[in-house]
Amino acid sequence: MGALDPAALENLYEMVGGDAEFVVELIDTFLQDAPQMLKDIQSLGSVDIEIPGRAAHSLKSNGTEFGAHTLSALCQELETMCKTGIVPGADELVGRITAEYAQVKVELETARQKF
């Protein structure tokens, strides 16, 4: 399985009444917003811990909509770390989130062309 669960994209398509144009809009919005969320996540250690925590929460939630389960789980882990204030090992986790998002982005761009 890749970075996206194809069933989740199909469910999203059905949930919006088979409106392919709207699914493309949702994908485009996610791809526009995600880089700022990643930037906020990557700022961990140099800003208030709430900023990367909120960004992780948003990326987790948005990723779930598209079936990016690994990305969502990684973001959940970081969100929990930020809530507890315990962030040792967070740099490695941030790297994993960044790498996973890169895969998600490629797969969403491909999926976008199919709608």
PDB file of N, CA and C in Angstrom:
ATOM      1  N   MET A   1       0.840  -1.185   0.000  1.00  0.00           N
ATOM      2  CA  MET A   1       0.000   0.000   0.000  1.00  0.00           C
ATOM      3  C   MET A   1       0.882   1.244   0.000  1.00  0.00           C
ATOM      4  N   GLY A   2       0.436   2.259  -0.719  1.00  0.00           N
ATOM      5  CA  GLY A   2       1.183   3.501  -0.793  1.00  0.00           C
ATOM      6  C   GLY A   2       0.874   4.407   0.388  1.00  0.00           C
ATOM      7  N   ALA A   3       1.136   5.668   0.200  1.00  0.00           N
ATOM      8  CA  ALA A   3       0.922   6.644   1.264  1.00  0.00           C
ATOM      9  C   ALA A   3      -0.553   6.994   1.446  1.00  0.00           C
ATOM     10  N   LEU A   4      -1.373   6.676   0.438  1.00  0.00           N
ATOM     11  CA  LEU A   4      -2.808   6.961   0.500  1.00  0.00           C
ATOM     12  C   LEU A   4      -3.612   5.675   0.410  1.00  0.00           C
ATOM     13  N   ASP A   5      -4.701   5.643   1.134  1.00  0.00           N
ATOM     14  CA  ASP A   5      -5.651   4.539   1.046  1.00  0.00           C
ATOM     15  C   ASP A   5      -6.649   4.896  -0.060  1.00  0.00           C
ATOM     16  N   PRO A   6      -6.624   4.171  -1.184  1.00  0.00           N
ATOM     17  CA  PRO A   6      -7.520   4.503  -2.296  1.00  0.00           C
ATOM     18  C   PRO A   6      -9.002   4.460  -1.896  1.00  0.00           C
ATOM     19  N   ALA A   7      -9.350   3.609  -0.948  1.00  0.00           N
ATOM     20  CA  ALA A   7     -10.739   3.526  -0.505  1.00  0.00           C
ATOM     21  C   ALA A   7     -11.185   4.843   0.132  1.00  0.00           C
ATOM     22  N   ALA A   8     -10.277   5.518   0.818  1.00  0.00           N
ATOM     23  CA  ALA A   8     -10.622   6.794   1.454  1.00  0.00           C
ATOM     24  C   ALA A   8     -10.939   7.845   0.396  1.00  0.00           C
ATOM     25  N   LEU A   9     -10.170   7.863  -0.675  1.00  0.00           N
ATOM     26  CA  LEU A   9     -10.453   8.815  -1.754  1.00  0.00           C
ATOM     27  C   LEU A   9     -11.789   8.496  -2.411  1.00  0.00           C
ATOM     28  N   GLU A  10     -12.067   7.232  -2.591  1.00  0.00           N
ATOM     29  CA  GLU A  10     -13.354   6.824  -3.165  1.00  0.00           C
ATOM     30  C   GLU A  10     -14.500   7.223  -2.233  1.00  0.00           C
ATOM     31  N   ASN A  11     -14.314   7.020  -0.934  1.00  0.00           N
ATOM     32  CA  ASN A  11     -15.336   7.426   0.040  1.00  0.00           C
ATOM     33  C   ASN A  11     -15.548   8.933   0.015  1.00  0.00           C
ATOM     34  N   LEU A  12     -14.472   9.685  -0.093  1.00  0.00           N
ATOM     35  CA  LEU A  12     -14.571  11.136  -0.168  1.00  0.00           C
ATOM     36  C   LEU A  12     -15.359  11.539  -1.411  1.00  0.00           C
ATOM     37  N   TYR A  13     -15.052  10.908  -2.517  1.00  0.00           N
ATOM     38  CA  TYR A  13     -15.750  11.166  -3.783  1.00  0.00           C
ATOM     39  C   TYR A  13     -17.251  10.896  -3.630  1.00  0.00           C
ATOM     40  N   GLU A  14     -17.587   9.793  -3.025  1.00  0.00           N
ATOM     41  CA  GLU A  14     -18.993   9.444  -2.810  1.00  0.00           C
ATOM     42  C   GLU A  14     -19.654  10.404  -1.826  1.00  0.00           C
ATOM     43  N   MET A  15     -18.907  10.796  -0.801  1.00  0.00           N
ATOM     44  CA  MET A  15     -19.443  11.683   0.227  1.00  0.00           C
ATOM     45  C   MET A  15     -19.829  13.048  -0.350  1.00  0.00           C
ATOM     46  N   VAL A  16     -19.130  13.479  -1.386  1.00  0.00           N
ATOM     47  CA  VAL A  16     -19.455  14.772  -2.009  1.00  0.00           C
ATOM     48  C   VAL A  16     -20.362  14.585  -3.218  1.00  0.00           C
ATOM     49  N   GLY A  17     -21.036  13.457  -3.250  1.00  0.00           N
ATOM     50  CA  GLY A  17     -22.031  13.232  -4.295  1.00  0.00           C
ATOM     51  C   GLY A  17     -21.460  12.992  -5.677  1.00  0.00           C
ATOM     52  N   GLY A  18     -20.238  12.475  -5.736  1.00  0.00           N
ATOM     53  CA  GLY A  18     -19.628  12.195  -7.035  1.00  0.00           C
ATOM     54  C   GLY A  18     -19.169  13.447  -7.779  1.00  0.00           C
ATOM     55  N   ASP A  19     -18.958  14.504  -7.046  1.00  0.00           N
ATOM     56  CA  ASP A  19     -18.520  15.772  -7.646  1.00  0.00           C
ATOM     57  C   ASP A  19     -16.985  15.781  -7.743  1.00  0.00           C
ATOM     58  N   ALA A  20     -16.481  15.310  -8.874  1.00  0.00           N
ATOM     59  CA  ALA A  20     -15.033  15.200  -9.070  1.00  0.00           C
ATOM     60  C   ALA A  20     -14.343  16.554  -8.971  1.00  0.00           C
ATOM     61  N   GLU A  21     -14.994  17.591  -9.466  1.00  0.00           N
ATOM     62  CA  GLU A  21     -14.412  18.934  -9.419  1.00  0.00           C
ATOM     63  C   GLU A  21     -14.193  19.385  -7.970  1.00  0.00           C
ATOM     64  N   PHE A  22     -15.142  19.043  -7.109  1.00  0.00           N
ATOM     65  CA  PHE A  22     -15.013  19.415  -5.700  1.00  0.00           C
ATOM     66  C   PHE A  22     -13.885  18.629  -5.033  1.00  0.00           C
ATOM     67  N   VAL A  23     -13.738  17.362  -5.377  1.00  0.00           N
ATOM     68  CA  VAL A  23     -12.638  16.568  -4.827  1.00  0.00           C
ATOM     69  C   VAL A  23     -11.310  17.184  -5.240  1.00  0.00           C
ATOM     70  N   VAL A  24     -11.209  17.604  -6.489  1.00  0.00           N
ATOM     71  CA  VAL A  24      -9.983  18.263  -6.964  1.00  0.00           C
ATOM     72  C   VAL A  24      -9.735  19.542  -6.180  1.00  0.00           C
ATOM     73  N   GLU A  25     -10.798  20.298  -5.901  1.00  0.00           N
ATOM     74  CA  GLU A  25     -10.661  21.514  -5.086  1.00  0.00           C
ATOM     75  C   GLU A  25     -10.132  21.185  -3.690  1.00  0.00           C
ATOM     76  N   LEU A  26     -10.670  20.118  -3.093  1.00  0.00           N
ATOM     77  CA  LEU A  26     -10.216  19.715  -1.762  1.00  0.00           C
ATOM     78  C   LEU A  26      -8.737  19.324  -1.784  1.00  0.00           C
ATOM     79  N   ILE A  27      -8.348  18.577  -2.798  1.00  0.00           N
ATOM     80  CA  ILE A  27      -6.943  18.182  -2.938  1.00  0.00           C
ATOM     81  C   ILE A  27      -6.076  19.418  -3.107  1.00  0.00           C
ATOM     82  N   ASP A  28      -6.498  20.323  -3.986  1.00  0.00           N
ATOM     83  CA  ASP A  28      -5.724  21.547  -4.221  1.00  0.00           C
ATOM     84  C   ASP A  28      -5.566  22.370  -2.949  1.00  0.00           C
ATOM     85  N   THR A  29      -6.636  22.495  -2.188  1.00  0.00           N
ATOM     86  CA  THR A  29      -6.581  23.258  -0.940  1.00  0.00           C
ATOM     87  C   THR A  29      -5.599  22.611   0.036  1.00  0.00           C
ATOM     88  N   PHE A  30      -5.685  21.298   0.156  1.00  0.00           N
ATOM     89  CA  PHE A  30      -4.763  20.581   1.035  1.00  0.00           C
ATOM     90  C   PHE A  30      -3.320  20.817   0.594  1.00  0.00           C
ATOM     91  N   LEU A  31      -3.058  20.685  -0.708  1.00  0.00           N
ATOM     92  CA  LEU A  31      -1.692  20.851  -1.212  1.00  0.00           C
ATOM     93  C   LEU A  31      -1.200  22.283  -1.068  1.00  0.00           C
ATOM     94  N   GLN A  32      -2.110  23.245  -1.041  1.00  0.00           N
ATOM     95  CA  GLN A  32      -1.721  24.642  -0.818  1.00  0.00           C
ATOM     96  C   GLN A  32      -1.442  24.916   0.658  1.00  0.00           C
ATOM     97  N   ASP A  33      -2.251  24.325   1.534  1.00  0.00           N
ATOM     98  CA  ASP A  33      -2.149  24.603   2.964  1.00  0.00           C
ATOM     99  C   ASP A  33      -1.059  23.790   3.671  1.00  0.00           C
ATOM    100  N   ALA A  34      -0.818  22.593   3.203  1.00  0.00           N
ATOM    101  CA  ALA A  34       0.110  21.687   3.887  1.00  0.00           C
ATOM    102  C   ALA A  34       1.537  22.239   4.028  1.00  0.00           C
ATOM    103  N   PRO A  35       2.096  22.920   3.029  1.00  0.00           N
ATOM    104  CA  PRO A  35       3.464  23.425   3.211  1.00  0.00           C
ATOM    105  C   PRO A  35       3.615  24.362   4.418  1.00  0.00           C
ATOM    106  N   GLN A  36       2.611  25.200   4.675  1.00  0.00           N
ATOM    107  CA  GLN A  36       2.690  26.072   5.858  1.00  0.00           C
ATOM    108  C   GLN A  36       2.587  25.251   7.138  1.00  0.00           C
ATOM    109  N   MET A  37       1.721  24.220   7.124  1.00  0.00           N
ATOM    110  CA  MET A  37       1.613  23.352   8.295  1.00  0.00           C
ATOM    111  C   MET A  37       2.947  22.658   8.555  1.00  0.00           C
ATOM    112  N   LEU A  38       3.585  22.183   7.493  1.00  0.00           N
ATOM    113  CA  LEU A  38       4.900  21.539   7.642  1.00  0.00           C
ATOM    114  C   LEU A  38       5.928  22.522   8.175  1.00  0.00           C
ATOM    115  N   LYS A  39       5.896  23.739   7.664  1.00  0.00           N
ATOM    116  CA  LYS A  39       6.829  24.768   8.141  1.00  0.00           C
ATOM    117  C   LYS A  39       6.626  25.006   9.634  1.00  0.00           C
ATOM    118  N   ASP A  40       5.363  25.069  10.063  1.00  0.00           N
ATOM    119  CA  ASP A  40       5.068  25.259  11.488  1.00  0.00           C
ATOM    120  C   ASP A  40       5.543  24.062  12.309  1.00  0.00           C
ATOM    121  N   ILE A  41       5.349  22.862  11.781  1.00  0.00           N
ATOM    122  CA  ILE A  41       5.816  21.655  12.467  1.00  0.00           C
ATOM    123  C   ILE A  41       7.337  21.669  12.578  1.00  0.00           C
ATOM    124  N   GLN A  42       7.994  22.058  11.506  1.00  0.00           N
ATOM    125  CA  GLN A  42       9.460  22.076  11.479  1.00  0.00           C
ATOM    126  C   GLN A  42      10.042  23.166  12.371  1.00  0.00           C
ATOM    127  N   SER A  43       9.201  24.099  12.812  1.00  0.00           N
ATOM    128  CA  SER A  43       9.677  25.176  13.695  1.00  0.00           C
ATOM    129  C   SER A  43       9.740  24.725  15.151  1.00  0.00           C
ATOM    130  N   LEU A  44       9.393  23.480  15.417  1.00  0.00           N
ATOM    131  CA  LEU A  44       9.415  22.949  16.780  1.00  0.00           C
ATOM    132  C   LEU A  44      10.787  23.224  17.397  1.00  0.00           C
ATOM    133  N   GLY A  45      10.771  23.773  18.562  1.00  0.00           N
ATOM    134  CA  GLY A  45      12.020  24.087  19.252  1.00  0.00           C
ATOM    135  C   GLY A  45      12.399  25.551  19.130  1.00  0.00           C
ATOM    136  N   SER A  46      11.838  26.231  18.127  1.00  0.00           N
ATOM    137  CA  SER A  46      12.193  27.642  17.962  1.00  0.00           C
ATOM    138  C   SER A  46      10.988  28.558  18.167  1.00  0.00           C
ATOM    139  N   VAL A  47       9.825  27.964  18.404  1.00  0.00           N
ATOM    140  CA  VAL A  47       8.612  28.757  18.632  1.00  0.00           C
ATOM    141  C   VAL A  47       7.832  28.133  19.776  1.00  0.00           C
ATOM    142  N   ASP A  48       6.771  28.804  20.165  1.00  0.00           N
ATOM    143  CA  ASP A  48       5.850  28.272  21.171  1.00  0.00           C
ATOM    144  C   ASP A  48       5.393  26.888  20.719  1.00  0.00           C
ATOM    145  N   ILE A  49       5.439  25.925  21.600  1.00  0.00           N
ATOM    146  CA  ILE A  49       5.132  24.531  21.289  1.00  0.00           C
ATOM    147  C   ILE A  49       3.697  24.345  20.776  1.00  0.00           C
ATOM    148  N   GLU A  50       2.831  25.310  21.051  1.00  0.00           N
ATOM    149  CA  GLU A  50       1.454  25.214  20.571  1.00  0.00           C
ATOM    150  C   GLU A  50       1.368  25.337  19.051  1.00  0.00           C
ATOM    151  N   ILE A  51       2.265  26.088  18.442  1.00  0.00           N
ATOM    152  CA  ILE A  51       2.211  26.292  16.990  1.00  0.00           C
ATOM    153  C   ILE A  51       2.437  24.973  16.248  1.00  0.00           C
ATOM    154  N   PRO A  52       3.522  24.249  16.508  1.00  0.00           N
ATOM    155  CA  PRO A  52       3.679  22.963  15.823  1.00  0.00           C
ATOM    156  C   PRO A  52       2.610  21.952  16.239  1.00  0.00           C
ATOM    157  N   GLY A  53       2.122  22.040  17.463  1.00  0.00           N
ATOM    158  CA  GLY A  53       1.069  21.138  17.913  1.00  0.00           C
ATOM    159  C   GLY A  53      -0.223  21.336  17.137  1.00  0.00           C
ATOM    160  N   ARG A  54      -0.594  22.599  16.931  1.00  0.00           N
ATOM    161  CA  ARG A  54      -1.800  22.898  16.143  1.00  0.00           C
ATOM    162  C   ARG A  54      -1.610  22.483  14.691  1.00  0.00           C
ATOM    163  N   ALA A  55      -0.431  22.732  14.160  1.00  0.00           N
ATOM    164  CA  ALA A  55      -0.166  22.349  12.767  1.00  0.00           C
ATOM    165  C   ALA A  55      -0.223  20.835  12.611  1.00  0.00           C
ATOM    166  N   ALA A  56       0.329  20.104  13.565  1.00  0.00           N
ATOM    167  CA  ALA A  56       0.271  18.639  13.523  1.00  0.00           C
ATOM    168  C   ALA A  56      -1.175  18.168  13.581  1.00  0.00           C
ATOM    169  N   HIS A  57      -1.978  18.802  14.416  1.00  0.00           N
ATOM    170  CA  HIS A  57      -3.396  18.452  14.515  1.00  0.00           C
ATOM    171  C   HIS A  57      -4.101  18.671  13.167  1.00  0.00           C
ATOM    172  N   SER A  58      -3.868  19.818  12.558  1.00  0.00           N
ATOM    173  CA  SER A  58      -4.510  20.137  11.278  1.00  0.00           C
ATOM    174  C   SER A  58      -4.057  19.192  10.171  1.00  0.00           C
ATOM    175  N   LEU A  59      -2.765  18.936  10.101  1.00  0.00           N
ATOM    176  CA  LEU A  59      -2.253  18.042   9.060  1.00  0.00           C
ATOM    177  C   LEU A  59      -2.781  16.626   9.273  1.00  0.00           C
ATOM    178  N   LYS A  60      -2.889  16.224  10.535  1.00  0.00           N
ATOM    179  CA  LYS A  60      -3.447  14.906  10.873  1.00  0.00           C
ATOM    180  C   LYS A  60      -4.883  14.804  10.374  1.00  0.00           C
ATOM    181  N   SER A  61      -5.689  15.786  10.705  1.00  0.00           N
ATOM    182  CA  SER A  61      -7.103  15.761  10.337  1.00  0.00           C
ATOM    183  C   SER A  61      -7.290  15.807   8.829  1.00  0.00           C
ATOM    184  N   ASN A  62      -6.574  16.688   8.182  1.00  0.00           N
ATOM    185  CA  ASN A  62      -6.687  16.799   6.724  1.00  0.00           C
ATOM    186  C   ASN A  62      -6.177  15.541   6.033  1.00  0.00           C
ATOM    187  N   GLY A  63      -5.084  15.005   6.526  1.00  0.00           N
ATOM    188  CA  GLY A  63      -4.531  13.788   5.942  1.00  0.00           C
ATOM    189  C   GLY A  63      -5.483  12.613   6.053  1.00  0.00           C
ATOM    190  N   THR A  64      -6.208  12.543   7.161  1.00  0.00           N
ATOM    191  CA  THR A  64      -7.170  11.465   7.369  1.00  0.00           C
ATOM    192  C   THR A  64      -8.238  11.470   6.279  1.00  0.00           C
ATOM    193  N   GLU A  65      -8.687  12.656   5.887  1.00  0.00           N
ATOM    194  CA  GLU A  65      -9.712  12.775   4.844  1.00  0.00           C
ATOM    195  C   GLU A  65      -9.292  12.103   3.538  1.00  0.00           C
ATOM    196  N   PHE A  66      -7.993  12.127   3.261  1.00  0.00           N
ATOM    197  CA  PHE A  66      -7.486  11.576   2.005  1.00  0.00           C
ATOM    198  C   PHE A  66      -6.918  10.170   2.165  1.00  0.00           C
ATOM    199  N   GLY A  67      -7.024   9.613   3.357  1.00  0.00           N
ATOM    200  CA  GLY A  67      -6.524   8.262   3.573  1.00  0.00           C
ATOM    201  C   GLY A  67      -5.023   8.197   3.780  1.00  0.00           C
ATOM    202  N   ALA A  68      -4.425   9.296   4.210  1.00  0.00           N
ATOM    203  CA  ALA A  68      -2.984   9.328   4.491  1.00  0.00           C
ATOM    204  C   ALA A  68      -2.784   8.873   5.938  1.00  0.00           C
ATOM    205  N   HIS A  69      -3.017   7.581   6.181  1.00  0.00           N
ATOM    206  CA  HIS A  69      -3.049   7.054   7.537  1.00  0.00           C
ATOM    207  C   HIS A  69      -1.701   7.136   8.257  1.00  0.00           C
ATOM    208  N   THR A  70      -0.623   6.863   7.556  1.00  0.00           N
ATOM    209  CA  THR A  70       0.695   6.943   8.200  1.00  0.00           C
ATOM    210  C   THR A  70       1.015   8.385   8.565  1.00  0.00           C
ATOM    211  N   LEU A  71       0.771   9.303   7.647  1.00  0.00           N
ATOM    212  CA  LEU A  71       0.994  10.721   7.935  1.00  0.00           C
ATOM    213  C   LEU A  71       0.153  11.153   9.129  1.00  0.00           C
ATOM    214  N   SER A  72      -1.099  10.749   9.155  1.00  0.00           N
ATOM    215  CA  SER A  72      -1.982  11.118  10.254  1.00  0.00           C
ATOM    216  C   SER A  72      -1.496  10.561  11.584  1.00  0.00           C
ATOM    217  N   ALA A  73      -1.041   9.315  11.572  1.00  0.00           N
ATOM    218  CA  ALA A  73      -0.543   8.697  12.816  1.00  0.00           C
ATOM    219  C   ALA A  73       0.712   9.405  13.316  1.00  0.00           C
ATOM    220  N   LEU A  74       1.611   9.755  12.411  1.00  0.00           N
ATOM    221  CA  LEU A  74       2.823  10.473  12.803  1.00  0.00           C
ATOM    222  C   LEU A  74       2.480  11.847  13.382  1.00  0.00           C
ATOM    223  N   CYS A  75       1.539  12.521  12.740  1.00  0.00           N
ATOM    224  CA  CYS A  75       1.116  13.833  13.232  1.00  0.00           C
ATOM    225  C   CYS A  75       0.419  13.717  14.589  1.00  0.00           C
ATOM    226  N   GLN A  76      -0.350  12.650  14.773  1.00  0.00           N
ATOM    227  CA  GLN A  76      -1.002  12.418  16.071  1.00  0.00           C
ATOM    228  C   GLN A  76       0.057  12.262  17.163  1.00  0.00           C
ATOM    229  N   GLU A  77       1.103  11.520  16.836  1.00  0.00           N
ATOM    230  CA  GLU A  77       2.184  11.316  17.800  1.00  0.00           C
ATOM    231  C   GLU A  77       2.835  12.649  18.177  1.00  0.00           C
ATOM    232  N   LEU A  78       3.099  13.479  17.181  1.00  0.00           N
ATOM    233  CA  LEU A  78       3.711  14.780  17.459  1.00  0.00           C
ATOM    234  C   LEU A  78       2.748  15.684  18.221  1.00  0.00           C
ATOM    235  N   GLU A  79       1.477  15.659  17.845  1.00  0.00           N
ATOM    236  CA  GLU A  79       0.482  16.467  18.550  1.00  0.00           C
ATOM    237  C   GLU A  79       0.445  16.092  20.031  1.00  0.00           C
ATOM    238  N   THR A  80       0.466  14.810  20.324  1.00  0.00           N
ATOM    239  CA  THR A  80       0.460  14.338  21.711  1.00  0.00           C
ATOM    240  C   THR A  80       1.714  14.794  22.441  1.00  0.00           C
ATOM    241  N   MET A  81       2.857  14.690  21.768  1.00  0.00           N
ATOM    242  CA  MET A  81       4.113  15.144  22.387  1.00  0.00           C
ATOM    243  C   MET A  81       4.033  16.630  22.743  1.00  0.00           C
ATOM    244  N   CYS A  82       3.478  17.413  21.822  1.00  0.00           N
ATOM    245  CA  CYS A  82       3.372  18.855  22.060  1.00  0.00           C
ATOM    246  C   CYS A  82       2.417  19.156  23.209  1.00  0.00           C
ATOM    247  N   LYS A  83       1.314  18.405  23.294  1.00  0.00           N
ATOM    248  CA  LYS A  83       0.347  18.628  24.375  1.00  0.00           C
ATOM    249  C   LYS A  83       0.950  18.328  25.737  1.00  0.00           C
ATOM    250  N   THR A  84       1.790  17.309  25.796  1.00  0.00           N
ATOM    251  CA  THR A  84       2.394  16.933  27.075  1.00  0.00           C
ATOM    252  C   THR A  84       3.656  17.732  27.375  1.00  0.00           C
ATOM    253  N   GLY A  85       4.166  18.425  26.360  1.00  0.00           N
ATOM    254  CA  GLY A  85       5.385  19.197  26.541  1.00  0.00           C
ATOM    255  C   GLY A  85       6.637  18.345  26.509  1.00  0.00           C
ATOM    256  N   ILE A  86       6.477  17.072  26.201  1.00  0.00           N
ATOM    257  CA  ILE A  86       7.620  16.154  26.137  1.00  0.00           C
ATOM    258  C   ILE A  86       7.974  15.957  24.669  1.00  0.00           C
ATOM    259  N   VAL A  87       9.057  16.562  24.242  1.00  0.00           N
ATOM    260  CA  VAL A  87       9.403  16.505  22.824  1.00  0.00           C
ATOM    261  C   VAL A  87      10.769  15.898  22.513  1.00  0.00           C
ATOM    262  N   PRO A  88      11.389  15.131  23.442  1.00  0.00           N
ATOM    263  CA  PRO A  88      12.629  14.469  23.028  1.00  0.00           C
ATOM    264  C   PRO A  88      12.322  13.496  21.900  1.00  0.00           C
ATOM    265  N   GLY A  89      13.192  13.469  20.928  1.00  0.00           N
ATOM    266  CA  GLY A  89      12.973  12.599  19.774  1.00  0.00           C
ATOM    267  C   GLY A  89      12.078  13.220  18.722  1.00  0.00           C
ATOM    268  N   ALA A  90      11.628  14.426  18.964  1.00  0.00           N
ATOM    269  CA  ALA A  90      10.711  15.076  18.034  1.00  0.00           C
ATOM    270  C   ALA A  90      11.377  15.404  16.700  1.00  0.00           C
ATOM    271  N   ASP A  91      12.671  15.692  16.698  1.00  0.00           N
ATOM    272  CA  ASP A  91      13.345  16.028  15.436  1.00  0.00           C
ATOM    273  C   ASP A  91      13.245  14.877  14.446  1.00  0.00           C
ATOM    274  N   GLU A  92      13.437  13.656  14.942  1.00  0.00           N
ATOM    275  CA  GLU A  92      13.344  12.485  14.073  1.00  0.00           C
ATOM    276  C   GLU A  92      11.910  12.323  13.585  1.00  0.00           C
ATOM    277  N   LEU A  93      10.950  12.562  14.444  1.00  0.00           N
ATOM    278  CA  LEU A  93       9.539  12.455  14.081  1.00  0.00           C
ATOM    279  C   LEU A  93       9.169  13.514  13.043  1.00  0.00           C
ATOM    280  N   VAL A  94       9.647  14.717  13.215  1.00  0.00           N
ATOM    281  CA  VAL A  94       9.402  15.790  12.243  1.00  0.00           C
ATOM    282  C   VAL A  94       9.967  15.389  10.879  1.00  0.00           C
ATOM    283  N   GLY A  95      11.139  14.784  10.865  1.00  0.00           N
ATOM    284  CA  GLY A  95      11.723  14.303   9.609  1.00  0.00           C
ATOM    285  C   GLY A  95      10.866  13.241   8.944  1.00  0.00           C
ATOM    286  N   ARG A  96      10.317  12.341   9.753  1.00  0.00           N
ATOM    287  CA  ARG A  96       9.449  11.291   9.218  1.00  0.00           C
ATOM    288  C   ARG A  96       8.154  11.891   8.660  1.00  0.00           C
ATOM    289  N   ILE A  97       7.604  12.885   9.350  1.00  0.00           N
ATOM    290  CA  ILE A  97       6.398  13.560   8.867  1.00  0.00           C
ATOM    291  C   ILE A  97       6.676  14.241   7.534  1.00  0.00           C
ATOM    292  N   THR A  98       7.797  14.917   7.447  1.00  0.00           N
ATOM    293  CA  THR A  98       8.166  15.613   6.212  1.00  0.00           C
ATOM    294  C   THR A  98       8.322  14.638   5.055  1.00  0.00           C
ATOM    295  N   ALA A  99       8.994  13.533   5.292  1.00  0.00           N
ATOM    296  CA  ALA A  99       9.194  12.521   4.245  1.00  0.00           C
ATOM    297  C   ALA A  99       7.872  11.878   3.842  1.00  0.00           C
ATOM    298  N   GLU A 100       7.032  11.589   4.810  1.00  0.00           N
ATOM    299  CA  GLU A 100       5.734  10.964   4.507  1.00  0.00           C
ATOM    300  C   GLU A 100       4.853  11.924   3.722  1.00  0.00           C
ATOM    301  N   TYR A 101       4.884  13.204   4.092  1.00  0.00           N
ATOM    302  CA  TYR A 101       4.092  14.184   3.341  1.00  0.00           C
ATOM    303  C   TYR A 101       4.550  14.237   1.884  1.00  0.00           C
ATOM    304  N   ALA A 102       5.840  14.133   1.641  1.00  0.00           N
ATOM    305  CA  ALA A 102       6.342  14.164   0.265  1.00  0.00           C
ATOM    306  C   ALA A 102       5.705  13.039  -0.561  1.00  0.00           C
ATOM    307  N   GLN A 103       5.571  11.862   0.041  1.00  0.00           N
ATOM    308  CA  GLN A 103       4.917  10.732  -0.640  1.00  0.00           C
ATOM    309  C   GLN A 103       3.434  11.010  -0.854  1.00  0.00           C
ATOM    310  N   VAL A 104       2.784  11.522   0.177  1.00  0.00           N
ATOM    311  CA  VAL A 104       1.361  11.846   0.089  1.00  0.00           C
ATOM    312  C   VAL A 104       1.131  12.847  -1.034  1.00  0.00           C
ATOM    313  N   LYS A 105       1.971  13.855  -1.105  1.00  0.00           N
ATOM    314  CA  LYS A 105       1.832  14.891  -2.129  1.00  0.00           C
ATOM    315  C   LYS A 105       1.907  14.290  -3.524  1.00  0.00           C
ATOM    316  N   VAL A 106       2.886  13.440  -3.763  1.00  0.00           N
ATOM    317  CA  VAL A 106       3.033  12.803  -5.076  1.00  0.00           C
ATOM    318  C   VAL A 106       1.784  11.999  -5.412  1.00  0.00           C
ATOM    319  N   GLU A 107       1.308  11.214  -4.445  1.00  0.00           N
ATOM    320  CA  GLU A 107       0.141  10.369  -4.696  1.00  0.00           C
ATOM    321  C   GLU A 107      -1.139  11.188  -4.861  1.00  0.00           C
ATOM    322  N   LEU A 108      -1.270  12.290  -4.131  1.00  0.00           N
ATOM    323  CA  LEU A 108      -2.444  13.147  -4.308  1.00  0.00           C
ATOM    324  C   LEU A 108      -2.418  13.835  -5.666  1.00  0.00           C
ATOM    325  N   GLU A 109      -1.242  14.258  -6.101  1.00  0.00           N
ATOM    326  CA  GLU A 109      -1.134  14.885  -7.413  1.00  0.00           C
ATOM    327  C   GLU A 109      -1.518  13.897  -8.508  1.00  0.00           C
ATOM    328  N   THR A 110      -1.133  12.645  -8.340  1.00  0.00           N
ATOM    329  CA  THR A 110      -1.500  11.595  -9.301  1.00  0.00           C
ATOM    330  C   THR A 110      -3.006  11.337  -9.244  1.00  0.00           C
ATOM    331  N   ALA A 111      -3.539  11.205  -8.024  1.00  0.00           N
ATOM    332  CA  ALA A 111      -4.971  10.946  -7.858  1.00  0.00           C
ATOM    333  C   ALA A 111      -5.800  12.106  -8.422  1.00  0.00           C
ATOM    334  N   ARG A 112      -5.309  13.311  -8.246  1.00  0.00           N
ATOM    335  CA  ARG A 112      -5.997  14.497  -8.730  1.00  0.00           C
ATOM    336  C   ARG A 112      -6.246  14.404 -10.230  1.00  0.00           C
ATOM    337  N   GLN A 113      -5.268  13.875 -10.944  1.00  0.00           N
ATOM    338  CA  GLN A 113      -5.386  13.759 -12.409  1.00  0.00           C
ATOM    339  C   GLN A 113      -6.464  12.756 -12.825  1.00  0.00           C
ATOM    340  N   LYS A 114      -6.806  11.847 -11.928  1.00  0.00           N
ATOM    341  CA  LYS A 114      -7.805  10.819 -12.236  1.00  0.00           C
ATOM    342  C   LYS A 114      -9.227  11.320 -12.037  1.00  0.00           C
ATOM    343  N   PHE A 115      -9.384  12.447 -11.332  1.00  0.00           N
ATOM    344  CA  PHE A 115     -10.722  12.970 -11.081  1.00  0.00           C
ATOM    345  C   PHE A 115     -11.150  13.937 -12.157  1.00  0.00           C
TER     346      PHE A 115
END
